[in-house]
Amino acid sequence: MIGKLYLIPTTLGETEPLEVMPISVKKVVEQIDYYIVENEKSARRFIKKISPKKQQATLTLKLLDKYAVVEETHSYLDVCEKGFNVGLLSEAGVPAIADPGASIVKLAHQKNIQVVPLVGPSSILMAMMSSGMNGQNFAFNGYLPIDKGDRKRTIKDLERISLDKNQAQIFIETPYRNDKMLADLTSILSPTTSLCIAADITLSSEYIKTMLVKDWKHQKPNLHKKPAIFIIQK
């Protein structure tokens, strides 16, 4: 039997895992000893939290971060050929969405290894669900350019695409630059464009609000260093 690749979600912050994901995730974690992770320390902390009785010494963790050598990652699924299941663990939320795990999922398909996605919190989808914008047609754009000129052009382009296609446009920012992002959006976008900000999703400090840009000019939510999702729709 060939092992499977399980896509294992994690919490979006310091939340009890079983408050935001089904018991099936716990059961899978209890059965797997091989993991591909973005950060070993946080991965071990999550595994211990969701399965306290699991022996940490039995775990094999392979790193998939920005320093990972691509050629080395090609061997990460070799244990599947020996019948062992592998867990792909995101740093926060679900694997392979705004996450480097996509390369491992692609590799699994190339090796004819079954990919099993598990249910868990996705900040992108939960923000979209809560925005009141077009859930039938939306696009995730990742991070916007840092350069001031490129950033302004990109924001205007996304607003134009949103109008032309009736398509909600989703993007993210490095948490410590959230306030600057909000300032840019309120100065660049049309006053009648809708803007949703969703921060700290699933946490006790959760903040989700959709208003017109002209109304955001009078609102200054505390977004500093908080994981946030921005959505616009014209």
C-alpha atoms as a PDB file:
ATOM      1  CA  MET A   1       0.000   0.000   0.000  1.00  0.00           C
ATOM      2  CA  ILE A   2       1.190   3.519  -0.833  1.00  0.00           C
ATOM      3  CA  GLY A   3       0.900   6.055   1.968  1.00  0.00           C
ATOM      4  CA  LYS A   4      -1.287   9.151   1.633  1.00  0.00           C
ATOM      5  CA  LEU A   5      -0.582  12.873   1.996  1.00  0.00           C
ATOM      6  CA  TYR A   6      -2.897  14.466   4.557  1.00  0.00           C
ATOM      7  CA  LEU A   7      -3.351  18.233   4.422  1.00  0.00           C
ATOM      8  CA  ILE A   8      -3.662  19.160   8.100  1.00  0.00           C
ATOM      9  CA  PRO A   9      -5.018  22.586   9.113  1.00  0.00           C
ATOM     10  CA  THR A  10      -3.833  24.438  12.195  1.00  0.00           C
ATOM     11  CA  THR A  11      -5.405  27.209  14.238  1.00  0.00           C
ATOM     12  CA  LEU A  12      -5.144  30.870  13.206  1.00  0.00           C
ATOM     13  CA  GLY A  13      -3.874  31.846  16.648  1.00  0.00           C
ATOM     14  CA  GLU A  14      -3.954  30.737  20.272  1.00  0.00           C
ATOM     15  CA  THR A  15      -7.267  28.913  19.990  1.00  0.00           C
ATOM     16  CA  GLU A  16      -8.056  25.427  21.248  1.00  0.00           C
ATOM     17  CA  PRO A  17      -7.793  23.244  18.106  1.00  0.00           C
ATOM     18  CA  LEU A  18     -11.025  21.328  18.645  1.00  0.00           C
ATOM     19  CA  GLU A  19     -12.968  24.583  18.955  1.00  0.00           C
ATOM     20  CA  VAL A  20     -12.323  25.365  15.285  1.00  0.00           C
ATOM     21  CA  MET A  21     -11.791  21.979  13.626  1.00  0.00           C
ATOM     22  CA  PRO A  22     -13.440  18.538  13.727  1.00  0.00           C
ATOM     23  CA  ILE A  23     -12.278  15.573  15.793  1.00  0.00           C
ATOM     24  CA  SER A  24     -11.175  13.884  12.558  1.00  0.00           C
ATOM     25  CA  VAL A  25      -8.086  16.147  12.502  1.00  0.00           C
ATOM     26  CA  LYS A  26      -7.079  14.924  15.954  1.00  0.00           C
ATOM     27  CA  LYS A  27      -7.528  11.298  14.864  1.00  0.00           C
ATOM     28  CA  VAL A  28      -5.305  11.781  11.819  1.00  0.00           C
ATOM     29  CA  VAL A  29      -2.571  13.517  13.837  1.00  0.00           C
ATOM     30  CA  GLU A  30      -2.580  10.622  16.300  1.00  0.00           C
ATOM     31  CA  GLN A  31      -1.890   8.175  13.447  1.00  0.00           C
ATOM     32  CA  ILE A  32       0.894  10.057  11.643  1.00  0.00           C
ATOM     33  CA  ASP A  33       4.568  10.309  12.633  1.00  0.00           C
ATOM     34  CA  TYR A  34       5.945  11.900   9.445  1.00  0.00           C
ATOM     35  CA  TYR A  35       5.289  15.618   8.870  1.00  0.00           C
ATOM     36  CA  ILE A  36       6.270  18.356   6.447  1.00  0.00           C
ATOM     37  CA  VAL A  37       6.152  21.704   8.273  1.00  0.00           C
ATOM     38  CA  GLU A  38       7.058  25.364   7.855  1.00  0.00           C
ATOM     39  CA  ASN A  39       8.306  25.776  11.417  1.00  0.00           C
ATOM     40  CA  GLU A  40       9.343  22.854  13.638  1.00  0.00           C
ATOM     41  CA  LYS A  41       8.730  24.560  16.982  1.00  0.00           C
ATOM     42  CA  SER A  42       5.184  25.709  16.230  1.00  0.00           C
ATOM     43  CA  ALA A  43       4.372  22.391  14.519  1.00  0.00           C
ATOM     44  CA  ARG A  44       5.414  20.398  17.580  1.00  0.00           C
ATOM     45  CA  ARG A  45       3.416  22.753  19.795  1.00  0.00           C
ATOM     46  CA  PHE A  46       0.279  22.229  17.703  1.00  0.00           C
ATOM     47  CA  ILE A  47       0.715  18.437  17.613  1.00  0.00           C
ATOM     48  CA  LYS A  48       1.167  18.348  21.382  1.00  0.00           C
ATOM     49  CA  LYS A  49      -1.874  20.545  21.896  1.00  0.00           C
ATOM     50  CA  ILE A  50      -4.231  18.499  19.738  1.00  0.00           C
ATOM     51  CA  SER A  51      -2.769  15.127  20.783  1.00  0.00           C
ATOM     52  CA  PRO A  52      -1.138  15.462  24.247  1.00  0.00           C
ATOM     53  CA  LYS A  53      -0.376  11.738  24.564  1.00  0.00           C
ATOM     54  CA  LYS A  54       1.537  11.514  21.291  1.00  0.00           C
ATOM     55  CA  GLN A  55       5.247  10.842  21.807  1.00  0.00           C
ATOM     56  CA  GLN A  56       7.238  13.737  20.317  1.00  0.00           C
ATOM     57  CA  ALA A  57      10.349  11.548  20.073  1.00  0.00           C
ATOM     58  CA  THR A  58       8.636   9.381  17.447  1.00  0.00           C
ATOM     59  CA  LEU A  59       8.076  12.290  15.072  1.00  0.00           C
ATOM     60  CA  THR A  60      10.040  13.004  11.912  1.00  0.00           C
ATOM     61  CA  LEU A  61       9.648  16.615  10.743  1.00  0.00           C
ATOM     62  CA  LYS A  62      10.894  17.907   7.395  1.00  0.00           C
ATOM     63  CA  LEU A  63      11.169  21.672   6.948  1.00  0.00           C
ATOM     64  CA  LEU A  64       9.458  23.457   4.073  1.00  0.00           C
ATOM     65  CA  ASP A  65      10.377  27.104   4.609  1.00  0.00           C
ATOM     66  CA  LYS A  66      12.004  29.767   2.448  1.00  0.00           C
ATOM     67  CA  TYR A  67      15.412  28.182   3.057  1.00  0.00           C
ATOM     68  CA  ALA A  68      14.389  24.685   1.951  1.00  0.00           C
ATOM     69  CA  VAL A  69      16.414  23.297  -0.962  1.00  0.00           C
ATOM     70  CA  VAL A  70      13.987  22.341  -3.736  1.00  0.00           C
ATOM     71  CA  GLU A  71      15.947  19.222  -4.693  1.00  0.00           C
ATOM     72  CA  GLU A  72      15.804  17.995  -1.089  1.00  0.00           C
ATOM     73  CA  THR A  73      12.037  18.542  -0.809  1.00  0.00           C
ATOM     74  CA  HIS A  74      11.560  16.122  -3.709  1.00  0.00           C
ATOM     75  CA  SER A  75      12.434  13.304  -1.298  1.00  0.00           C
ATOM     76  CA  TYR A  76       9.961  14.348   1.405  1.00  0.00           C
ATOM     77  CA  LEU A  77       7.288  11.938   0.174  1.00  0.00           C
ATOM     78  CA  ASP A  78       9.578   8.935  -0.326  1.00  0.00           C
ATOM     79  CA  VAL A  79       8.238   7.332   2.878  1.00  0.00           C
ATOM     80  CA  CYS A  80       4.814   7.084   1.209  1.00  0.00           C
ATOM     81  CA  GLU A  81       6.288   4.443  -1.093  1.00  0.00           C
ATOM     82  CA  LYS A  82       7.001   2.396   2.049  1.00  0.00           C
ATOM     83  CA  GLY A  83       3.374   2.651   3.144  1.00  0.00           C
ATOM     84  CA  PHE A  84       3.681   5.522   5.628  1.00  0.00           C
ATOM     85  CA  ASN A  85       1.221   8.428   5.628  1.00  0.00           C
ATOM     86  CA  VAL A  86       2.600  11.979   5.677  1.00  0.00           C
ATOM     87  CA  GLY A  87       1.007  15.086   7.167  1.00  0.00           C
ATOM     88  CA  LEU A  88       1.493  18.500   5.546  1.00  0.00           C
ATOM     89  CA  LEU A  89       1.081  21.061   8.316  1.00  0.00           C
ATOM     90  CA  SER A  90       0.488  24.763   7.697  1.00  0.00           C
ATOM     91  CA  GLU A  91       1.951  27.445   9.933  1.00  0.00           C
ATOM     92  CA  ALA A  92      -1.552  28.908  10.287  1.00  0.00           C
ATOM     93  CA  GLY A  93      -4.835  27.864   8.693  1.00  0.00           C
ATOM     94  CA  VAL A  94      -4.991  25.386   5.835  1.00  0.00           C
ATOM     95  CA  PRO A  95      -1.993  24.042   3.883  1.00  0.00           C
ATOM     96  CA  ALA A  96      -1.199  25.111   0.314  1.00  0.00           C
ATOM     97  CA  ILE A  97      -3.412  28.246   0.367  1.00  0.00           C
ATOM     98  CA  ALA A  98      -1.144  31.309   0.668  1.00  0.00           C
ATOM     99  CA  ASP A  99       1.309  28.723   1.953  1.00  0.00           C
ATOM    100  CA  PRO A 100       4.436  27.004   0.525  1.00  0.00           C
ATOM    101  CA  GLY A 101       2.820  23.572   0.855  1.00  0.00           C
ATOM    102  CA  ALA A 102       1.408  23.743  -2.681  1.00  0.00           C
ATOM    103  CA  SER A 103       4.702  22.413  -4.080  1.00  0.00           C
ATOM    104  CA  ILE A 104       4.379  19.245  -1.969  1.00  0.00           C
ATOM    105  CA  VAL A 105       0.773  18.708  -3.060  1.00  0.00           C
ATOM    106  CA  LYS A 106       1.899  19.041  -6.689  1.00  0.00           C
ATOM    107  CA  LEU A 107       4.657  16.504  -6.034  1.00  0.00           C
ATOM    108  CA  ALA A 108       2.127  14.084  -4.517  1.00  0.00           C
ATOM    109  CA  HIS A 109       0.016  14.209  -7.671  1.00  0.00           C
ATOM    110  CA  GLN A 110       3.101  13.617  -9.817  1.00  0.00           C
ATOM    111  CA  LYS A 111       3.940  10.554  -7.705  1.00  0.00           C
ATOM    112  CA  ASN A 112       0.340   9.293  -7.817  1.00  0.00           C
ATOM    113  CA  ILE A 113       0.004   9.674  -4.041  1.00  0.00           C
ATOM    114  CA  GLN A 114      -3.527  10.231  -2.763  1.00  0.00           C
ATOM    115  CA  VAL A 115      -4.065  13.731  -1.354  1.00  0.00           C
ATOM    116  CA  VAL A 116      -6.527  13.989   1.556  1.00  0.00           C
ATOM    117  CA  PRO A 117      -7.601  17.534   2.563  1.00  0.00           C
ATOM    118  CA  LEU A 118      -8.917  17.954   6.111  1.00  0.00           C
ATOM    119  CA  VAL A 119     -11.419  20.542   7.319  1.00  0.00           C
ATOM    120  CA  GLY A 120     -10.106  23.527   9.258  1.00  0.00           C
ATOM    121  CA  PRO A 121     -10.093  27.333   9.448  1.00  0.00           C
ATOM    122  CA  SER A 122      -9.071  29.317   6.362  1.00  0.00           C
ATOM    123  CA  SER A 123      -8.805  33.052   7.021  1.00  0.00           C
ATOM    124  CA  ILE A 124      -9.254  33.820   3.325  1.00  0.00           C
ATOM    125  CA  LEU A 125     -12.497  31.876   2.919  1.00  0.00           C
ATOM    126  CA  MET A 126     -13.868  32.927   6.322  1.00  0.00           C
ATOM    127  CA  ALA A 127     -13.237  36.576   5.482  1.00  0.00           C
ATOM    128  CA  MET A 128     -14.947  36.137   2.120  1.00  0.00           C
ATOM    129  CA  MET A 129     -17.903  34.406   3.784  1.00  0.00           C
ATOM    130  CA  SER A 130     -18.270  37.306   6.205  1.00  0.00           C
ATOM    131  CA  SER A 131     -17.789  40.180   3.761  1.00  0.00           C
ATOM    132  CA  GLY A 132     -21.181  40.331   2.075  1.00  0.00           C
ATOM    133  CA  MET A 133     -19.387  40.574  -1.281  1.00  0.00           C
ATOM    134  CA  ASN A 134     -19.677  38.341  -4.342  1.00  0.00           C
ATOM    135  CA  GLY A 135     -19.006  34.802  -3.130  1.00  0.00           C
ATOM    136  CA  GLN A 136     -19.753  33.493  -6.629  1.00  0.00           C
ATOM    137  CA  ASN A 137     -16.808  35.319  -8.200  1.00  0.00           C
ATOM    138  CA  PHE A 138     -13.702  36.340  -6.266  1.00  0.00           C
ATOM    139  CA  ALA A 139      -9.908  36.285  -6.626  1.00  0.00           C
ATOM    140  CA  PHE A 140      -7.065  36.030  -4.123  1.00  0.00           C
ATOM    141  CA  ASN A 141      -4.108  38.258  -5.033  1.00  0.00           C
ATOM    142  CA  GLY A 142      -1.635  37.572  -2.234  1.00  0.00           C
ATOM    143  CA  TYR A 143       0.590  40.488  -1.205  1.00  0.00           C
ATOM    144  CA  LEU A 144       0.465  43.796  -3.083  1.00  0.00           C
ATOM    145  CA  PRO A 145       3.700  45.506  -4.236  1.00  0.00           C
ATOM    146  CA  ILE A 146       5.702  47.435  -1.653  1.00  0.00           C
ATOM    147  CA  ASP A 147       6.860  50.138  -4.095  1.00  0.00           C
ATOM    148  CA  LYS A 148       4.527  53.133  -3.726  1.00  0.00           C
ATOM    149  CA  GLY A 149       3.905  53.621  -7.446  1.00  0.00           C
ATOM    150  CA  ASP A 150       3.421  49.936  -8.215  1.00  0.00           C
ATOM    151  CA  ARG A 151       1.168  49.587  -5.184  1.00  0.00           C
ATOM    152  CA  LYS A 152      -1.085  52.441  -6.297  1.00  0.00           C
ATOM    153  CA  ARG A 153      -1.373  51.044  -9.823  1.00  0.00           C
ATOM    154  CA  THR A 154      -2.167  47.574  -8.501  1.00  0.00           C
ATOM    155  CA  ILE A 155      -4.905  48.868  -6.185  1.00  0.00           C
ATOM    156  CA  LYS A 156      -6.503  50.823  -9.048  1.00  0.00           C
ATOM    157  CA  ASP A 157      -6.193  47.784 -11.357  1.00  0.00           C
ATOM    158  CA  LEU A 158      -7.913  45.535  -8.807  1.00  0.00           C
ATOM    159  CA  GLU A 159     -10.711  48.060  -8.413  1.00  0.00           C
ATOM    160  CA  ARG A 160     -11.170  48.217 -12.186  1.00  0.00           C
ATOM    161  CA  ILE A 161     -11.193  44.408 -12.512  1.00  0.00           C
ATOM    162  CA  SER A 162     -13.716  44.206  -9.687  1.00  0.00           C
ATOM    163  CA  LEU A 163     -16.044  46.564 -11.560  1.00  0.00           C
ATOM    164  CA  ASP A 164     -15.547  44.936 -14.971  1.00  0.00           C
ATOM    165  CA  LYS A 165     -16.033  41.363 -13.724  1.00  0.00           C
ATOM    166  CA  ASN A 166     -18.250  41.936 -10.676  1.00  0.00           C
ATOM    167  CA  GLN A 167     -15.457  40.144  -8.823  1.00  0.00           C
ATOM    168  CA  ALA A 168     -14.403  40.588  -5.200  1.00  0.00           C
ATOM    169  CA  GLN A 169     -10.632  41.118  -4.871  1.00  0.00           C
ATOM    170  CA  ILE A 170      -8.876  39.634  -1.822  1.00  0.00           C
ATOM    171  CA  PHE A 171      -5.342  40.446  -0.666  1.00  0.00           C
ATOM    172  CA  ILE A 172      -3.164  40.427   2.437  1.00  0.00           C
ATOM    173  CA  GLU A 173      -0.426  42.492   4.019  1.00  0.00           C
ATOM    174  CA  THR A 174       2.416  41.935   6.479  1.00  0.00           C
ATOM    175  CA  PRO A 175       0.699  42.564   9.842  1.00  0.00           C
ATOM    176  CA  TYR A 176       2.929  45.465  10.915  1.00  0.00           C
ATOM    177  CA  ARG A 177       2.024  47.308   7.685  1.00  0.00           C
ATOM    178  CA  ASN A 178      -1.748  46.936   8.028  1.00  0.00           C
ATOM    179  CA  ASP A 179      -2.321  50.541   9.089  1.00  0.00           C
ATOM    180  CA  LYS A 180      -0.376  51.800   6.074  1.00  0.00           C
ATOM    181  CA  MET A 181      -2.443  49.525   3.838  1.00  0.00           C
ATOM    182  CA  LEU A 182      -5.695  50.969   5.178  1.00  0.00           C
ATOM    183  CA  ALA A 183      -4.384  54.500   4.664  1.00  0.00           C
ATOM    184  CA  ASP A 184      -3.425  53.673   1.064  1.00  0.00           C
ATOM    185  CA  LEU A 185      -6.791  52.072   0.313  1.00  0.00           C
ATOM    186  CA  THR A 186      -8.815  54.984   1.660  1.00  0.00           C
ATOM    187  CA  SER A 187      -6.726  57.488  -0.322  1.00  0.00           C
ATOM    188  CA  ILE A 188      -6.559  55.566  -3.624  1.00  0.00           C
ATOM    189  CA  LEU A 189      -9.909  53.791  -3.988  1.00  0.00           C
ATOM    190  CA  SER A 190     -13.166  55.393  -5.056  1.00  0.00           C
ATOM    191  CA  PRO A 191     -15.247  56.593  -2.078  1.00  0.00           C
ATOM    192  CA  THR A 192     -18.097  54.282  -3.182  1.00  0.00           C
ATOM    193  CA  THR A 193     -15.992  51.099  -3.374  1.00  0.00           C
ATOM    194  CA  SER A 194     -16.787  48.557  -0.665  1.00  0.00           C
ATOM    195  CA  LEU A 195     -13.936  47.494   1.605  1.00  0.00           C
ATOM    196  CA  CYS A 196     -13.960  44.599   4.070  1.00  0.00           C
ATOM    197  CA  ILE A 197     -11.328  44.210   6.757  1.00  0.00           C
ATOM    198  CA  ALA A 198     -11.197  40.908   8.639  1.00  0.00           C
ATOM    199  CA  ALA A 199      -8.583  40.591  11.398  1.00  0.00           C
ATOM    200  CA  ASP A 200      -7.818  37.988  14.077  1.00  0.00           C
ATOM    201  CA  ILE A 201     -10.380  35.572  12.634  1.00  0.00           C
ATOM    202  CA  THR A 202     -11.572  32.909  15.131  1.00  0.00           C
ATOM    203  CA  LEU A 203      -9.824  34.690  18.036  1.00  0.00           C
ATOM    204  CA  SER A 204     -11.511  36.528  20.918  1.00  0.00           C
ATOM    205  CA  SER A 205     -10.299  39.790  19.339  1.00  0.00           C
ATOM    206  CA  GLU A 206     -11.915  38.975  15.971  1.00  0.00           C
ATOM    207  CA  TYR A 207     -12.819  42.042  13.913  1.00  0.00           C
ATOM    208  CA  ILE A 208     -14.807  41.861  10.653  1.00  0.00           C
ATOM    209  CA  LYS A 209     -16.363  44.936   9.053  1.00  0.00           C
ATOM    210  CA  THR A 210     -17.506  45.936   5.550  1.00  0.00           C
ATOM    211  CA  MET A 211     -18.164  49.582   4.671  1.00  0.00           C
ATOM    212  CA  LEU A 212     -17.735  52.013   1.798  1.00  0.00           C
ATOM    213  CA  VAL A 213     -14.286  53.556   1.508  1.00  0.00           C
ATOM    214  CA  LYS A 214     -15.691  56.990   2.359  1.00  0.00           C
ATOM    215  CA  ASP A 215     -16.908  55.615   5.686  1.00  0.00           C
ATOM    216  CA  TRP A 216     -13.586  53.933   6.465  1.00  0.00           C
ATOM    217  CA  LYS A 217     -11.976  57.367   6.419  1.00  0.00           C
ATOM    218  CA  HIS A 218     -13.697  58.002   9.750  1.00  0.00           C
ATOM    219  CA  GLN A 219     -12.813  54.607  11.233  1.00  0.00           C
ATOM    220  CA  LYS A 220      -9.393  53.689  12.636  1.00  0.00           C
ATOM    221  CA  PRO A 221      -9.500  50.054  13.814  1.00  0.00           C
ATOM    222  CA  ASN A 222      -6.459  48.727  15.639  1.00  0.00           C
ATOM    223  CA  LEU A 223      -4.874  46.465  13.031  1.00  0.00           C
ATOM    224  CA  HIS A 224      -1.231  46.747  14.052  1.00  0.00           C
ATOM    225  CA  LYS A 225       0.500  43.354  13.978  1.00  0.00           C
ATOM    226  CA  LYS A 226      -2.831  41.534  13.595  1.00  0.00           C
ATOM    227  CA  PRO A 227      -3.232  38.978  10.764  1.00  0.00           C
ATOM    228  CA  ALA A 228      -5.725  40.631   8.432  1.00  0.00           C
ATOM    229  CA  ILE A 229      -7.533  40.040   5.160  1.00  0.00           C
ATOM    230  CA  PHE A 230      -8.575  42.931   2.891  1.00  0.00           C
ATOM    231  CA  ILE A 231     -11.376  42.605   0.291  1.00  0.00           C
ATOM    232  CA  ILE A 232     -12.597  45.237  -2.131  1.00  0.00           C
ATOM    233  CA  GLN A 233     -15.495  45.305  -4.563  1.00  0.00           C
ATOM    234  CA  LYS A 234     -16.655  48.120  -6.769  1.00  0.00           C
END
